[in-house]
Amino acid sequence: MSAENYADDLRATVRFALETTRAIAVCPFHSQVTIRIGDDAAESHAFERAKESRQE
């Protein structure tokens, strides 16, 4: 796997973890804008989920 593919996969994994733990949300007015919710517990949970999925 090339470094570029790894980076894209990692980016997608992290974004998925952040979205599913409600640490970030998509702006309802601009679909390309991501909003940080600011929930430290959600961000910590997302970090752990991303680490677990990278180990699989």
N, C-alpha and C. Protein backbone atom coordinates (compact mmCIF):
# COMPACT_ATOMS: atom_id res chain seq x y z
N MET A 1 0.84 -1.18 0.00
CA MET A 1 0.00 0.00 0.00
C MET A 1 0.89 1.24 0.00
N SER A 2 0.56 2.19 -0.85
CA SER A 2 1.36 3.41 -0.91
C SER A 2 1.03 4.32 0.27
N ALA A 3 1.92 5.24 0.54
CA ALA A 3 1.71 6.19 1.64
C ALA A 3 0.44 7.01 1.41
N GLU A 4 0.17 7.37 0.17
CA GLU A 4 -1.03 8.16 -0.14
C GLU A 4 -2.30 7.38 0.18
N ASN A 5 -2.36 6.10 -0.19
CA ASN A 5 -3.53 5.28 0.11
C ASN A 5 -3.70 5.13 1.61
N TYR A 6 -2.61 4.93 2.32
CA TYR A 6 -2.66 4.79 3.77
C TYR A 6 -3.22 6.06 4.41
N ALA A 7 -2.77 7.21 3.93
CA ALA A 7 -3.25 8.48 4.48
C ALA A 7 -4.73 8.66 4.21
N ASP A 8 -5.20 8.32 3.02
CA ASP A 8 -6.62 8.45 2.71
C ASP A 8 -7.44 7.52 3.60
N ASP A 9 -6.96 6.29 3.79
CA ASP A 9 -7.67 5.33 4.62
C ASP A 9 -7.70 5.80 6.06
N LEU A 10 -6.58 6.30 6.56
CA LEU A 10 -6.50 6.81 7.92
C LEU A 10 -7.44 8.00 8.10
N ARG A 11 -7.45 8.89 7.14
CA ARG A 11 -8.32 10.06 7.21
C ARG A 11 -9.79 9.63 7.28
N ALA A 12 -10.16 8.67 6.47
CA ALA A 12 -11.54 8.17 6.47
C ALA A 12 -11.88 7.49 7.79
N THR A 13 -10.94 6.73 8.33
CA THR A 13 -11.15 6.05 9.60
C THR A 13 -11.37 7.04 10.72
N VAL A 14 -10.53 8.06 10.78
CA VAL A 14 -10.65 9.08 11.83
C VAL A 14 -11.95 9.86 11.68
N ARG A 15 -12.29 10.24 10.47
CA ARG A 15 -13.53 10.99 10.25
C ARG A 15 -14.74 10.15 10.65
N PHE A 16 -14.74 8.87 10.28
CA PHE A 16 -15.84 7.98 10.65
C PHE A 16 -15.96 7.88 12.18
N ALA A 17 -14.83 7.72 12.85
CA ALA A 17 -14.84 7.62 14.32
C ALA A 17 -15.37 8.91 14.95
N LEU A 18 -14.94 10.04 14.44
CA LEU A 18 -15.40 11.32 14.99
C LEU A 18 -16.89 11.54 14.75
N GLU A 19 -17.37 11.19 13.54
CA GLU A 19 -18.79 11.37 13.24
C GLU A 19 -19.67 10.44 14.05
N THR A 20 -19.27 9.19 14.19
CA THR A 20 -20.13 8.22 14.88
C THR A 20 -20.13 8.38 16.39
N THR A 21 -19.17 9.09 16.93
CA THR A 21 -19.18 9.37 18.38
C THR A 21 -19.73 10.76 18.67
N ARG A 22 -20.19 11.43 17.63
CA ARG A 22 -20.79 12.75 17.74
C ARG A 22 -19.80 13.83 18.21
N ALA A 23 -18.52 13.64 17.90
CA ALA A 23 -17.51 14.64 18.23
C ALA A 23 -17.48 15.74 17.18
N ILE A 24 -17.93 15.41 15.96
CA ILE A 24 -18.05 16.39 14.89
C ILE A 24 -19.40 16.22 14.21
N ALA A 25 -19.81 17.22 13.47
CA ALA A 25 -21.05 17.16 12.72
C ALA A 25 -20.86 17.90 11.40
N VAL A 26 -21.66 17.56 10.43
CA VAL A 26 -21.64 18.26 9.15
C VAL A 26 -22.55 19.47 9.26
N CYS A 27 -22.08 20.59 8.79
CA CYS A 27 -22.87 21.82 8.81
C CYS A 27 -24.16 21.59 8.02
N PRO A 28 -25.32 21.94 8.59
CA PRO A 28 -26.57 21.74 7.88
C PRO A 28 -26.73 22.65 6.66
N PHE A 29 -25.93 23.70 6.57
CA PHE A 29 -26.03 24.65 5.46
C PHE A 29 -24.95 24.47 4.41
N HIS A 30 -23.83 23.87 4.79
CA HIS A 30 -22.69 23.68 3.88
C HIS A 30 -22.14 22.27 4.08
N SER A 31 -22.51 21.34 3.21
CA SER A 31 -22.16 19.93 3.40
C SER A 31 -20.67 19.66 3.41
N GLN A 32 -19.86 20.55 2.87
CA GLN A 32 -18.41 20.35 2.86
C GLN A 32 -17.74 20.86 4.14
N VAL A 33 -18.51 21.47 5.05
CA VAL A 33 -17.97 22.03 6.28
C VAL A 33 -18.25 21.09 7.45
N THR A 34 -17.19 20.79 8.20
CA THR A 34 -17.30 19.95 9.39
C THR A 34 -17.21 20.85 10.62
N ILE A 35 -18.07 20.62 11.58
CA ILE A 35 -18.12 21.42 12.79
C ILE A 35 -17.64 20.58 13.97
N ARG A 36 -16.70 21.09 14.72
CA ARG A 36 -16.23 20.41 15.93
C ARG A 36 -17.22 20.72 17.04
N ILE A 37 -17.74 19.67 17.68
CA ILE A 37 -18.73 19.85 18.73
C ILE A 37 -18.08 20.34 20.01
N GLY A 38 -16.86 19.89 20.29
CA GLY A 38 -16.15 20.32 21.48
C GLY A 38 -16.41 19.43 22.68
N ASP A 39 -16.86 18.22 22.43
CA ASP A 39 -17.12 17.26 23.50
C ASP A 39 -15.87 16.42 23.70
N ASP A 40 -15.13 16.69 24.77
CA ASP A 40 -13.87 15.99 25.01
C ASP A 40 -14.06 14.48 25.16
N ALA A 41 -15.12 14.07 25.82
CA ALA A 41 -15.37 12.64 25.99
C ALA A 41 -15.62 11.96 24.65
N ALA A 42 -16.37 12.62 23.77
CA ALA A 42 -16.64 12.06 22.44
C ALA A 42 -15.36 11.99 21.63
N GLU A 43 -14.51 13.00 21.74
CA GLU A 43 -13.25 12.98 21.01
C GLU A 43 -12.34 11.86 21.51
N SER A 44 -12.30 11.64 22.81
CA SER A 44 -11.50 10.54 23.38
C SER A 44 -12.03 9.20 22.90
N HIS A 45 -13.34 9.05 22.89
CA HIS A 45 -13.96 7.82 22.42
C HIS A 45 -13.63 7.60 20.94
N ALA A 46 -13.70 8.65 20.15
CA ALA A 46 -13.38 8.55 18.72
C ALA A 46 -11.93 8.13 18.52
N PHE A 47 -11.03 8.68 19.32
CA PHE A 47 -9.62 8.34 19.23
C PHE A 47 -9.42 6.85 19.49
N GLU A 48 -10.07 6.32 20.52
CA GLU A 48 -9.95 4.89 20.84
C GLU A 48 -10.53 4.03 19.73
N ARG A 49 -11.67 4.43 19.17
CA ARG A 49 -12.28 3.67 18.07
C ARG A 49 -11.37 3.65 16.85
N ALA A 50 -10.77 4.79 16.54
CA ALA A 50 -9.88 4.86 15.38
C ALA A 50 -8.65 3.97 15.60
N LYS A 51 -8.10 3.98 16.82
CA LYS A 51 -6.94 3.14 17.12
C LYS A 51 -7.30 1.66 16.98
N GLU A 52 -8.46 1.27 17.49
CA GLU A 52 -8.89 -0.13 17.40
C GLU A 52 -9.07 -0.57 15.96
N SER A 53 -9.68 0.27 15.13
CA SER A 53 -9.93 -0.11 13.74
C SER A 53 -8.63 -0.20 12.95
N ARG A 54 -7.61 0.57 13.32
CA ARG A 54 -6.33 0.53 12.62
C ARG A 54 -5.55 -0.74 12.98
N GLN A 55 -5.84 -1.32 14.13
CA GLN A 55 -5.14 -2.52 14.57
C GLN A 55 -5.70 -3.78 13.93
N GLU A 56 -6.91 -3.71 13.39
CA GLU A 56 -7.55 -4.89 12.80
C GLU A 56 -6.97 -5.23 11.46
